[in-house]
Structure formats: structure tokens, C-alpha cells
């Protein structure tokens, strides 16, 4: 089982990034997935989750209206489209199927 995130980087406030997480080694389409982040010096924070079919997603209040989670089960991939990024979104972003975790991808929002 492997989850590999990509798409992180450094952007200015108001910018956008799209994170991807590619799954392998299991039947990805059978599982819900989530994005979780960890800001410097802080604990893990759940960001968003999506059901296995991709037709139901939910978000923490601080990202509602700015982030969109989606998935393409044919590609074994989940995405997190992040718009209007803020400095407080700076964190390492992890994807999880609620059992396995990726290695994380760094997102830095700074002017």
C-alpha cells in the first residue's frame, strides 16, 4: 500500500495550488480519503474528506469555499484544489485512506 502526494510549493497569499495523491497496492475506489495538514509547531488538522464514490465531500470551516477535494478512481488519485491561499494554510499536507498515510507535501504561503 502506498500513497504519494505531490503538488506542494511556495505561493503568495491569494494564490492557488493543486495537490495530488496517487494510491497503489489496494482497491482505492473502495475507500474514503482525506487530506490532513500539520502546520509548523502544531498538531494534525483534518482539512477535508471524500467518500469512495467521490460524490460527497466535507471540509473544515477554515477552508470552506476555498478548497475543493475530488477524486478520479480510474487514476487512483485524489486531489485538493486550493484557491485564495492564506499564510495560515502553510503546512505539510498528507493524504490518508484512514489507515495508510502518504509522506506529505509542503505548502508555504508567504509574501
Foldseek 3Di string as FASTA:
>chain_A
DAKAKDWADEEAQQAKIKMKIADDDDQLLQFKKFKWWDAPPGDIGTAKIAGSPFPDMDGDPVQPPFWDWGDDSVRRMIMIIGGRDDQVVFTWMWMDRVPDIHPTDTHGYHD
